[in-house]
Amino acid sequence: MKNWRRLFVSAGMFTATGLLVRAAVLAAAYGVAHAAGWRAYTSILCGTAPGGNPKDLLAVACGVVYVALHFAWVLGVPVLVIAGLLLGVAERWGGRPR
C-alpha cells in the first residue's frame, strides 16, 4: 500500500506512468463500488428513489458515485490507458528531434 501511494504521488501528472497509475486507481474504485453492490442504487437515473424512500440520502449518494465511477470507467480509463501507452512508446523509441 505504501508503494502505491508513493507511486501515485511521485508519478508526474502527464507521464506514461502517471496516466497508467491514475487509470488503475479509477478502475480499482469502480471495482470496489461494483463489488459493494452500488449498481442497484442507479435508479436515480430514471427519477425514482433507490429503495423507495426519497429521503434516503445515503442511497442516492451511492447511486451518484456509482454512475460517476461508471462513466469514468467507460470513458476515462480507456483514454488514460491509450494515452499512457502511446506516451510510453514515444518516450522510449521516439528519440529527440535534432
PDB file of N, CA and C in Angstrom:
ATOM      1  N   MET A   1       0.832  -1.196   0.000  1.00  0.00           N
ATOM      2  CA  MET A   1       0.000   0.000   0.000  1.00  0.00           C
ATOM      3  C   MET A   1       0.871   1.252   0.000  1.00  0.00           C
ATOM      4  N   LYS A   2       1.950   1.208   0.740  1.00  0.00           N
ATOM      5  CA  LYS A   2       2.824   2.368   0.823  1.00  0.00           C
ATOM      6  C   LYS A   2       3.470   2.662  -0.530  1.00  0.00           C
ATOM      7  N   ASN A   3       3.841   1.602  -1.268  1.00  0.00           N
ATOM      8  CA  ASN A   3       4.449   1.798  -2.574  1.00  0.00           C
ATOM      9  C   ASN A   3       3.471   2.397  -3.576  1.00  0.00           C
ATOM     10  N   TRP A   4       2.199   1.986  -3.516  1.00  0.00           N
ATOM     11  CA  TRP A   4       1.188   2.548  -4.418  1.00  0.00           C
ATOM     12  C   TRP A   4       0.992   4.036  -4.159  1.00  0.00           C
ATOM     13  N   ARG A   5       0.953   4.392  -2.874  1.00  0.00           N
ATOM     14  CA  ARG A   5       0.773   5.807  -2.538  1.00  0.00           C
ATOM     15  C   ARG A   5       1.962   6.622  -3.033  1.00  0.00           C
ATOM     16  N   ARG A   6       3.164   6.098  -2.837  1.00  0.00           N
ATOM     17  CA  ARG A   6       4.363   6.800  -3.289  1.00  0.00           C
ATOM     18  C   ARG A   6       4.371   6.900  -4.811  1.00  0.00           C
ATOM     19  N   LEU A   7       3.980   5.816  -5.488  1.00  0.00           N
ATOM     20  CA  LEU A   7       3.930   5.827  -6.946  1.00  0.00           C
ATOM     21  C   LEU A   7       2.891   6.822  -7.454  1.00  0.00           C
ATOM     22  N   PHE A   8       1.745   6.893  -6.796  1.00  0.00           N
ATOM     23  CA  PHE A   8       0.687   7.819  -7.210  1.00  0.00           C
ATOM     24  C   PHE A   8       1.135   9.260  -7.043  1.00  0.00           C
ATOM     25  N   VAL A   9       1.823   9.555  -5.950  1.00  0.00           N
ATOM     26  CA  VAL A   9       2.245  10.927  -5.682  1.00  0.00           C
ATOM     27  C   VAL A   9       3.456  11.305  -6.524  1.00  0.00           C
ATOM     28  N   SER A  10       4.404  10.377  -6.660  1.00  0.00           N
ATOM     29  CA  SER A  10       5.652  10.729  -7.345  1.00  0.00           C
ATOM     30  C   SER A  10       5.519  10.722  -8.865  1.00  0.00           C
ATOM     31  N   ALA A  11       4.584   9.972  -9.392  1.00  0.00           N
ATOM     32  CA  ALA A  11       4.411   9.948 -10.848  1.00  0.00           C
ATOM     33  C   ALA A  11       3.865  11.291 -11.303  1.00  0.00           C
ATOM     34  N   GLY A  12       4.469  11.837 -12.317  1.00  0.00           N
ATOM     35  CA  GLY A  12       4.015  13.123 -12.827  1.00  0.00           C
ATOM     36  C   GLY A  12       2.609  13.028 -13.406  1.00  0.00           C
ATOM     37  N   MET A  13       1.975  14.150 -13.509  1.00  0.00           N
ATOM     38  CA  MET A  13       0.595  14.159 -13.978  1.00  0.00           C
ATOM     39  C   MET A  13       0.491  13.695 -15.433  1.00  0.00           C
ATOM     40  N   PHE A  14       1.389  14.160 -16.281  1.00  0.00           N
ATOM     41  CA  PHE A  14       1.308  13.831 -17.707  1.00  0.00           C
ATOM     42  C   PHE A  14       2.503  13.000 -18.146  1.00  0.00           C
ATOM     43  N   THR A  15       2.818  11.972 -17.362  1.00  0.00           N
ATOM     44  CA  THR A  15       3.822  10.998 -17.756  1.00  0.00           C
ATOM     45  C   THR A  15       3.106   9.684 -18.041  1.00  0.00           C
ATOM     46  N   ALA A  16       3.794   8.784 -18.719  1.00  0.00           N
ATOM     47  CA  ALA A  16       3.182   7.496 -19.035  1.00  0.00           C
ATOM     48  C   ALA A  16       2.811   6.752 -17.762  1.00  0.00           C
ATOM     49  N   THR A  17       3.709   6.744 -16.789  1.00  0.00           N
ATOM     50  CA  THR A  17       3.432   6.063 -15.518  1.00  0.00           C
ATOM     51  C   THR A  17       2.281   6.739 -14.794  1.00  0.00           C
ATOM     52  N   GLY A  18       2.256   8.051 -14.782  1.00  0.00           N
ATOM     53  CA  GLY A  18       1.196   8.782 -14.093  1.00  0.00           C
ATOM     54  C   GLY A  18      -0.177   8.499 -14.677  1.00  0.00           C
ATOM     55  N   LEU A  19      -0.255   8.452 -15.998  1.00  0.00           N
ATOM     56  CA  LEU A  19      -1.542   8.179 -16.637  1.00  0.00           C
ATOM     57  C   LEU A  19      -2.013   6.761 -16.347  1.00  0.00           C
ATOM     58  N   LEU A  20      -1.096   5.795 -16.388  1.00  0.00           N
ATOM     59  CA  LEU A  20      -1.475   4.411 -16.133  1.00  0.00           C
ATOM     60  C   LEU A  20      -1.840   4.182 -14.671  1.00  0.00           C
ATOM     61  N   VAL A  21      -1.146   4.859 -13.764  1.00  0.00           N
ATOM     62  CA  VAL A  21      -1.482   4.735 -12.335  1.00  0.00           C
ATOM     63  C   VAL A  21      -2.859   5.321 -12.063  1.00  0.00           C
ATOM     64  N   ARG A  22      -3.163   6.440 -12.649  1.00  0.00           N
ATOM     65  CA  ARG A  22      -4.477   7.046 -12.433  1.00  0.00           C
ATOM     66  C   ARG A  22      -5.587   6.205 -13.052  1.00  0.00           C
ATOM     67  N   ALA A  23      -5.317   5.568 -14.173  1.00  0.00           N
ATOM     68  CA  ALA A  23      -6.296   4.643 -14.760  1.00  0.00           C
ATOM     69  C   ALA A  23      -6.522   3.453 -13.832  1.00  0.00           C
ATOM     70  N   ALA A  24      -5.460   2.953 -13.224  1.00  0.00           N
ATOM     71  CA  ALA A  24      -5.596   1.826 -12.295  1.00  0.00           C
ATOM     72  C   ALA A  24      -6.375   2.218 -11.050  1.00  0.00           C
ATOM     73  N   VAL A  25      -6.177   3.420 -10.563  1.00  0.00           N
ATOM     74  CA  VAL A  25      -6.917   3.887  -9.382  1.00  0.00           C
ATOM     75  C   VAL A  25      -8.406   4.003  -9.704  1.00  0.00           C
ATOM     76  N   LEU A  26      -8.732   4.561 -10.861  1.00  0.00           N
ATOM     77  CA  LEU A  26     -10.140   4.663 -11.267  1.00  0.00           C
ATOM     78  C   LEU A  26     -10.763   3.282 -11.443  1.00  0.00           C
ATOM     79  N   ALA A  27     -10.016   2.362 -12.042  1.00  0.00           N
ATOM     80  CA  ALA A  27     -10.531   1.005 -12.240  1.00  0.00           C
ATOM     81  C   ALA A  27     -10.753   0.311 -10.902  1.00  0.00           C
ATOM     82  N   ALA A  28      -9.833   0.498  -9.972  1.00  0.00           N
ATOM     83  CA  ALA A  28      -9.992  -0.118  -8.652  1.00  0.00           C
ATOM     84  C   ALA A  28     -11.192   0.474  -7.906  1.00  0.00           C
ATOM     85  N   ALA A  29     -11.377   1.786  -8.001  1.00  0.00           N
ATOM     86  CA  ALA A  29     -12.519   2.418  -7.332  1.00  0.00           C
ATOM     87  C   ALA A  29     -13.833   1.917  -7.917  1.00  0.00           C
ATOM     88  N   TYR A  30     -13.888   1.773  -9.236  1.00  0.00           N
ATOM     89  CA  TYR A  30     -15.096   1.246  -9.865  1.00  0.00           C
ATOM     90  C   TYR A  30     -15.328  -0.203  -9.443  1.00  0.00           C
ATOM     91  N   GLY A  31     -14.275  -0.980  -9.382  1.00  0.00           N
ATOM     92  CA  GLY A  31     -14.404  -2.374  -8.963  1.00  0.00           C
ATOM     93  C   GLY A  31     -14.924  -2.505  -7.544  1.00  0.00           C
ATOM     94  N   VAL A  32     -14.451  -1.649  -6.655  1.00  0.00           N
ATOM     95  CA  VAL A  32     -14.924  -1.668  -5.263  1.00  0.00           C
ATOM     96  C   VAL A  32     -16.399  -1.283  -5.193  1.00  0.00           C
ATOM     97  N   ALA A  33     -16.786  -0.238  -5.922  1.00  0.00           N
ATOM     98  CA  ALA A  33     -18.191   0.191  -5.917  1.00  0.00           C
ATOM     99  C   ALA A  33     -19.094  -0.884  -6.516  1.00  0.00           C
ATOM    100  N   HIS A  34     -18.618  -1.549  -7.543  1.00  0.00           N
ATOM    101  CA  HIS A  34     -19.417  -2.607  -8.169  1.00  0.00           C
ATOM    102  C   HIS A  34     -19.543  -3.811  -7.234  1.00  0.00           C
ATOM    103  N   ALA A  35     -18.439  -4.161  -6.572  1.00  0.00           N
ATOM    104  CA  ALA A  35     -18.471  -5.284  -5.634  1.00  0.00           C
ATOM    105  C   ALA A  35     -19.333  -4.973  -4.413  1.00  0.00           C
ATOM    106  N   ALA A  36     -19.441  -3.703  -4.059  1.00  0.00           N
ATOM    107  CA  ALA A  36     -20.262  -3.305  -2.919  1.00  0.00           C
ATOM    108  C   ALA A  36     -21.754  -3.320  -3.255  1.00  0.00           C
ATOM    109  N   GLY A  37     -22.093  -3.484  -4.517  1.00  0.00           N
ATOM    110  CA  GLY A  37     -23.491  -3.574  -4.913  1.00  0.00           C
ATOM    111  C   GLY A  37     -24.171  -2.237  -5.144  1.00  0.00           C
ATOM    112  N   TRP A  38     -23.387  -1.208  -5.416  1.00  0.00           N
ATOM    113  CA  TRP A  38     -23.974   0.111  -5.605  1.00  0.00           C
ATOM    114  C   TRP A  38     -24.701   0.243  -6.932  1.00  0.00           C
ATOM    115  N   ARG A  39     -24.572  -0.730  -7.801  1.00  0.00           N
ATOM    116  CA  ARG A  39     -25.274  -0.674  -9.081  1.00  0.00           C
ATOM    117  C   ARG A  39     -26.787  -0.655  -8.875  1.00  0.00           C
ATOM    118  N   ALA A  40     -27.238  -1.268  -7.811  1.00  0.00           N
ATOM    119  CA  ALA A  40     -28.673  -1.310  -7.534  1.00  0.00           C
ATOM    120  C   ALA A  40     -29.241   0.078  -7.221  1.00  0.00           C
ATOM    121  N   TYR A  41     -28.375   0.997  -6.846  1.00  0.00           N
ATOM    122  CA  TYR A  41     -28.834   2.340  -6.487  1.00  0.00           C
ATOM    123  C   TYR A  41     -28.876   3.302  -7.673  1.00  0.00           C
ATOM    124  N   THR A  42     -28.642   2.809  -8.876  1.00  0.00           N
ATOM    125  CA  THR A  42     -28.635   3.690 -10.039  1.00  0.00           C
ATOM    126  C   THR A  42     -30.028   4.009 -10.558  1.00  0.00           C
ATOM    127  N   SER A  43     -31.046   3.662  -9.814  1.00  0.00           N
ATOM    128  CA  SER A  43     -32.407   4.018 -10.226  1.00  0.00           C
ATOM    129  C   SER A  43     -32.620   5.526 -10.210  1.00  0.00           C
ATOM    130  N   ILE A  44     -31.668   6.274  -9.682  1.00  0.00           N
ATOM    131  CA  ILE A  44     -31.762   7.733  -9.694  1.00  0.00           C
ATOM    132  C   ILE A  44     -31.776   8.274 -11.116  1.00  0.00           C
ATOM    133  N   LEU A  45     -31.257   7.486 -12.069  1.00  0.00           N
ATOM    134  CA  LEU A  45     -31.227   7.938 -13.459  1.00  0.00           C
ATOM    135  C   LEU A  45     -32.612   8.100 -14.058  1.00  0.00           C
ATOM    136  N   CYS A  46     -33.577   7.303 -13.581  1.00  0.00           N
ATOM    137  CA  CYS A  46     -34.932   7.409 -14.120  1.00  0.00           C
ATOM    138  C   CYS A  46     -35.861   8.181 -13.175  1.00  0.00           C
ATOM    139  N   GLY A  47     -35.282   8.790 -12.148  1.00  0.00           N
ATOM    140  CA  GLY A  47     -36.069   9.649 -11.280  1.00  0.00           C
ATOM    141  C   GLY A  47     -36.746   8.963 -10.115  1.00  0.00           C
ATOM    142  N   THR A  48     -36.445   7.722  -9.867  1.00  0.00           N
ATOM    143  CA  THR A  48     -37.021   7.036  -8.712  1.00  0.00           C
ATOM    144  C   THR A  48     -35.978   6.914  -7.618  1.00  0.00           C
ATOM    145  N   ALA A  49     -36.460   6.878  -6.412  1.00  0.00           N
ATOM    146  CA  ALA A  49     -35.560   6.775  -5.268  1.00  0.00           C
ATOM    147  C   ALA A  49     -35.140   5.322  -5.076  1.00  0.00           C
ATOM    148  N   PRO A  50     -33.854   5.095  -4.858  1.00  0.00           N
ATOM    149  CA  PRO A  50     -33.417   3.726  -4.594  1.00  0.00           C
ATOM    150  C   PRO A  50     -33.987   3.248  -3.261  1.00  0.00           C
ATOM    151  N   GLY A  51     -34.638   2.149  -3.260  1.00  0.00           N
ATOM    152  CA  GLY A  51     -35.226   1.623  -2.039  1.00  0.00           C
ATOM    153  C   GLY A  51     -36.601   2.185  -1.741  1.00  0.00           C
ATOM    154  N   GLY A  52     -37.088   3.114  -2.525  1.00  0.00           N
ATOM    155  CA  GLY A  52     -38.426   3.656  -2.353  1.00  0.00           C
ATOM    156  C   GLY A  52     -38.534   4.853  -1.435  1.00  0.00           C
ATOM    157  N   ASN A  53     -37.523   5.157  -0.661  1.00  0.00           N
ATOM    158  CA  ASN A  53     -37.568   6.294   0.261  1.00  0.00           C
ATOM    159  C   ASN A  53     -36.776   7.446  -0.335  1.00  0.00           C
ATOM    160  N   PRO A  54     -37.452   8.529  -0.766  1.00  0.00           N
ATOM    161  CA  PRO A  54     -36.730   9.639  -1.387  1.00  0.00           C
ATOM    162  C   PRO A  54     -35.844  10.414  -0.406  1.00  0.00           C
ATOM    163  N   LYS A  55     -36.020  10.195   0.887  1.00  0.00           N
ATOM    164  CA  LYS A  55     -35.197  10.906   1.872  1.00  0.00           C
ATOM    165  C   LYS A  55     -33.949  10.120   2.270  1.00  0.00           C
ATOM    166  N   ASP A  56     -33.731   8.979   1.664  1.00  0.00           N
ATOM    167  CA  ASP A  56     -32.553   8.173   1.954  1.00  0.00           C
ATOM    168  C   ASP A  56     -31.374   8.719   1.154  1.00  0.00           C
ATOM    169  N   LEU A  57     -30.684   9.688   1.735  1.00  0.00           N
ATOM    170  CA  LEU A  57     -29.618  10.385   1.024  1.00  0.00           C
ATOM    171  C   LEU A  57     -28.386   9.504   0.810  1.00  0.00           C
ATOM    172  N   LEU A  58     -28.163   8.537   1.683  1.00  0.00           N
ATOM    173  CA  LEU A  58     -27.018   7.647   1.504  1.00  0.00           C
ATOM    174  C   LEU A  58     -27.189   6.792   0.254  1.00  0.00           C
ATOM    175  N   ALA A  59     -28.388   6.308   0.024  1.00  0.00           N
ATOM    176  CA  ALA A  59     -28.652   5.507  -1.174  1.00  0.00           C
ATOM    177  C   ALA A  59     -28.506   6.358  -2.435  1.00  0.00           C
ATOM    178  N   VAL A  60     -28.976   7.587  -2.375  1.00  0.00           N
ATOM    179  CA  VAL A  60     -28.845   8.494  -3.517  1.00  0.00           C
ATOM    180  C   VAL A  60     -27.376   8.802  -3.775  1.00  0.00           C
ATOM    181  N   ALA A  61     -26.608   9.044  -2.717  1.00  0.00           N
ATOM    182  CA  ALA A  61     -25.180   9.330  -2.866  1.00  0.00           C
ATOM    183  C   ALA A  61     -24.439   8.130  -3.458  1.00  0.00           C
ATOM    184  N   CYS A  62     -24.789   6.939  -3.014  1.00  0.00           N
ATOM    185  CA  CYS A  62     -24.165   5.732  -3.575  1.00  0.00           C
ATOM    186  C   CYS A  62     -24.472   5.616  -5.067  1.00  0.00           C
ATOM    187  N   GLY A  63     -25.690   5.932  -5.463  1.00  0.00           N
ATOM    188  CA  GLY A  63     -26.059   5.884  -6.871  1.00  0.00           C
ATOM    189  C   GLY A  63     -25.312   6.910  -7.701  1.00  0.00           C
ATOM    190  N   VAL A  64     -25.182   8.115  -7.182  1.00  0.00           N
ATOM    191  CA  VAL A  64     -24.473   9.172  -7.908  1.00  0.00           C
ATOM    192  C   VAL A  64     -22.992   8.816  -8.053  1.00  0.00           C
ATOM    193  N   VAL A  65     -22.384   8.322  -6.983  1.00  0.00           N
ATOM    194  CA  VAL A  65     -20.971   7.939  -7.040  1.00  0.00           C
ATOM    195  C   VAL A  65     -20.775   6.785  -8.015  1.00  0.00           C
ATOM    196  N   TYR A  66     -21.670   5.807  -7.994  1.00  0.00           N
ATOM    197  CA  TYR A  66     -21.540   4.680  -8.915  1.00  0.00           C
ATOM    198  C   TYR A  66     -21.660   5.137 -10.365  1.00  0.00           C
ATOM    199  N   VAL A  67     -22.602   6.004 -10.647  1.00  0.00           N
ATOM    200  CA  VAL A  67     -22.770   6.487 -12.024  1.00  0.00           C
ATOM    201  C   VAL A  67     -21.523   7.261 -12.465  1.00  0.00           C
ATOM    202  N   ALA A  68     -20.987   8.107 -11.587  1.00  0.00           N
ATOM    203  CA  ALA A  68     -19.773   8.856 -11.930  1.00  0.00           C
ATOM    204  C   ALA A  68     -18.593   7.914 -12.166  1.00  0.00           C
ATOM    205  N   LEU A  69     -18.450   6.908 -11.314  1.00  0.00           N
ATOM    206  CA  LEU A  69     -17.357   5.949 -11.498  1.00  0.00           C
ATOM    207  C   LEU A  69     -17.563   5.102 -12.753  1.00  0.00           C
ATOM    208  N   HIS A  70     -18.815   4.801 -13.070  1.00  0.00           N
ATOM    209  CA  HIS A  70     -19.079   4.030 -14.289  1.00  0.00           C
ATOM    210  C   HIS A  70     -18.691   4.830 -15.530  1.00  0.00           C
ATOM    211  N   PHE A  71     -19.052   6.102 -15.556  1.00  0.00           N
ATOM    212  CA  PHE A  71     -18.661   6.935 -16.694  1.00  0.00           C
ATOM    213  C   PHE A  71     -17.149   7.084 -16.764  1.00  0.00           C
ATOM    214  N   ALA A  72     -16.482   7.203 -15.599  1.00  0.00           N
ATOM    215  CA  ALA A  72     -15.024   7.272 -15.587  1.00  0.00           C
ATOM    216  C   ALA A  72     -14.423   5.973 -16.107  1.00  0.00           C
ATOM    217  N   TRP A  73     -15.035   4.832 -15.755  1.00  0.00           N
ATOM    218  CA  TRP A  73     -14.548   3.543 -16.215  1.00  0.00           C
ATOM    219  C   TRP A  73     -14.728   3.391 -17.728  1.00  0.00           C
ATOM    220  N   VAL A  74     -15.873   3.804 -18.235  1.00  0.00           N
ATOM    221  CA  VAL A  74     -16.172   3.607 -19.653  1.00  0.00           C
ATOM    222  C   VAL A  74     -15.467   4.643 -20.533  1.00  0.00           C
ATOM    223  N   LEU A  75     -15.397   5.874 -20.084  1.00  0.00           N
ATOM    224  CA  LEU A  75     -14.834   6.942 -20.914  1.00  0.00           C
ATOM    225  C   LEU A  75     -13.407   7.327 -20.534  1.00  0.00           C
ATOM    226  N   GLY A  76     -13.110   7.377 -19.260  1.00  0.00           N
ATOM    227  CA  GLY A  76     -11.817   7.894 -18.813  1.00  0.00           C
ATOM    228  C   GLY A  76     -10.690   6.887 -18.826  1.00  0.00           C
ATOM    229  N   VAL A  77     -10.944   5.697 -18.311  1.00  0.00           N
ATOM    230  CA  VAL A  77      -9.877   4.702 -18.189  1.00  0.00           C
ATOM    231  C   VAL A  77      -9.301   4.301 -19.548  1.00  0.00           C
ATOM    232  N   PRO A  78     -10.124   4.010 -20.565  1.00  0.00           N
ATOM    233  CA  PRO A  78      -9.515   3.666 -21.863  1.00  0.00           C
ATOM    234  C   PRO A  78      -8.677   4.801 -22.451  1.00  0.00           C
ATOM    235  N   VAL A  79      -9.126   6.023 -22.279  1.00  0.00           N
ATOM    236  CA  VAL A  79      -8.366   7.169 -22.789  1.00  0.00           C
ATOM    237  C   VAL A  79      -7.030   7.274 -22.059  1.00  0.00           C
ATOM    238  N   LEU A  80      -7.051   7.112 -20.734  1.00  0.00           N
ATOM    239  CA  LEU A  80      -5.814   7.200 -19.961  1.00  0.00           C
ATOM    240  C   LEU A  80      -4.848   6.072 -20.328  1.00  0.00           C
ATOM    241  N   VAL A  81      -5.370   4.868 -20.515  1.00  0.00           N
ATOM    242  CA  VAL A  81      -4.503   3.735 -20.858  1.00  0.00           C
ATOM    243  C   VAL A  81      -3.890   3.927 -22.238  1.00  0.00           C
ATOM    244  N   ILE A  82      -4.696   4.305 -23.213  1.00  0.00           N
ATOM    245  CA  ILE A  82      -4.174   4.507 -24.570  1.00  0.00           C
ATOM    246  C   ILE A  82      -3.156   5.643 -24.585  1.00  0.00           C
ATOM    247  N   ALA A  83      -3.467   6.739 -23.914  1.00  0.00           N
ATOM    248  CA  ALA A  83      -2.539   7.861 -23.871  1.00  0.00           C
ATOM    249  C   ALA A  83      -1.249   7.484 -23.155  1.00  0.00           C
ATOM    250  N   GLY A  84      -1.364   6.736 -22.061  1.00  0.00           N
ATOM    251  CA  GLY A  84      -0.172   6.311 -21.338  1.00  0.00           C
ATOM    252  C   GLY A  84       0.711   5.395 -22.165  1.00  0.00           C
ATOM    253  N   LEU A  85       0.087   4.460 -22.877  1.00  0.00           N
ATOM    254  CA  LEU A  85       0.864   3.548 -23.720  1.00  0.00           C
ATOM    255  C   LEU A  85       1.532   4.285 -24.884  1.00  0.00           C
ATOM    256  N   LEU A  86       0.794   5.168 -25.538  1.00  0.00           N
ATOM    257  CA  LEU A  86       1.382   5.932 -26.639  1.00  0.00           C
ATOM    258  C   LEU A  86       2.506   6.843 -26.159  1.00  0.00           C
ATOM    259  N   LEU A  87       2.316   7.468 -25.009  1.00  0.00           N
ATOM    260  CA  LEU A  87       3.352   8.340 -24.463  1.00  0.00           C
ATOM    261  C   LEU A  87       4.585   7.531 -24.065  1.00  0.00           C
ATOM    262  N   GLY A  88       4.357   6.342 -23.489  1.00  0.00           N
ATOM    263  CA  GLY A  88       5.484   5.487 -23.137  1.00  0.00           C
ATOM    264  C   GLY A  88       6.264   5.030 -24.357  1.00  0.00           C
ATOM    265  N   VAL A  89       5.562   4.653 -25.413  1.00  0.00           N
ATOM    266  CA  VAL A  89       6.231   4.253 -26.658  1.00  0.00           C
ATOM    267  C   VAL A  89       6.989   5.439 -27.251  1.00  0.00           C
ATOM    268  N   ALA A  90       6.383   6.606 -27.250  1.00  0.00           N
ATOM    269  CA  ALA A  90       7.035   7.787 -27.806  1.00  0.00           C
ATOM    270  C   ALA A  90       8.272   8.173 -26.997  1.00  0.00           C
ATOM    271  N   GLU A  91       8.200   8.029 -25.676  1.00  0.00           N
ATOM    272  CA  GLU A  91       9.360   8.357 -24.849  1.00  0.00           C
ATOM    273  C   GLU A  91      10.482   7.349 -25.041  1.00  0.00           C
ATOM    274  N   ARG A  92      10.124   6.108 -25.242  1.00  0.00           N
ATOM    275  CA  ARG A  92      11.140   5.060 -25.336  1.00  0.00           C
ATOM    276  C   ARG A  92      11.794   5.005 -26.707  1.00  0.00           C
ATOM    277  N   TRP A  93      11.008   5.058 -27.771  1.00  0.00           N
ATOM    278  CA  TRP A  93      11.551   4.878 -29.107  1.00  0.00           C
ATOM    279  C   TRP A  93      11.515   6.139 -29.976  1.00  0.00           C
ATOM    280  N   GLY A  94      10.970   7.202 -29.441  1.00  0.00           N
ATOM    281  CA  GLY A  94      10.824   8.404 -30.257  1.00  0.00           C
ATOM    282  C   GLY A  94      12.117   9.114 -30.535  1.00  0.00           C
ATOM    283  N   GLY A  95      13.024   9.092 -29.595  1.00  0.00           N
ATOM    284  CA  GLY A  95      14.262   9.840 -29.797  1.00  0.00           C
ATOM    285  C   GLY A  95      14.016  11.336 -29.662  1.00  0.00           C
ATOM    286  N   ARG A  96      15.075  12.060 -29.703  1.00  0.00           N
ATOM    287  CA  ARG A  96      14.956  13.521 -29.592  1.00  0.00           C
ATOM    288  C   ARG A  96      15.094  14.152 -30.980  1.00  0.00           C
ATOM    289  N   PRO A  97      14.245  15.139 -31.273  1.00  0.00           N
ATOM    290  CA  PRO A  97      14.375  15.823 -32.569  1.00  0.00           C
ATOM    291  C   PRO A  97      15.670  16.646 -32.616  1.00  0.00           C
ATOM    292  N   ARG A  98      16.257  16.759 -33.790  1.00  0.00           N
ATOM    293  CA  ARG A  98      17.525  17.497 -33.916  1.00  0.00           C
ATOM    294  C   ARG A  98      17.319  18.859 -34.468  1.00  0.00           C
TER     295      ARG A  98
END
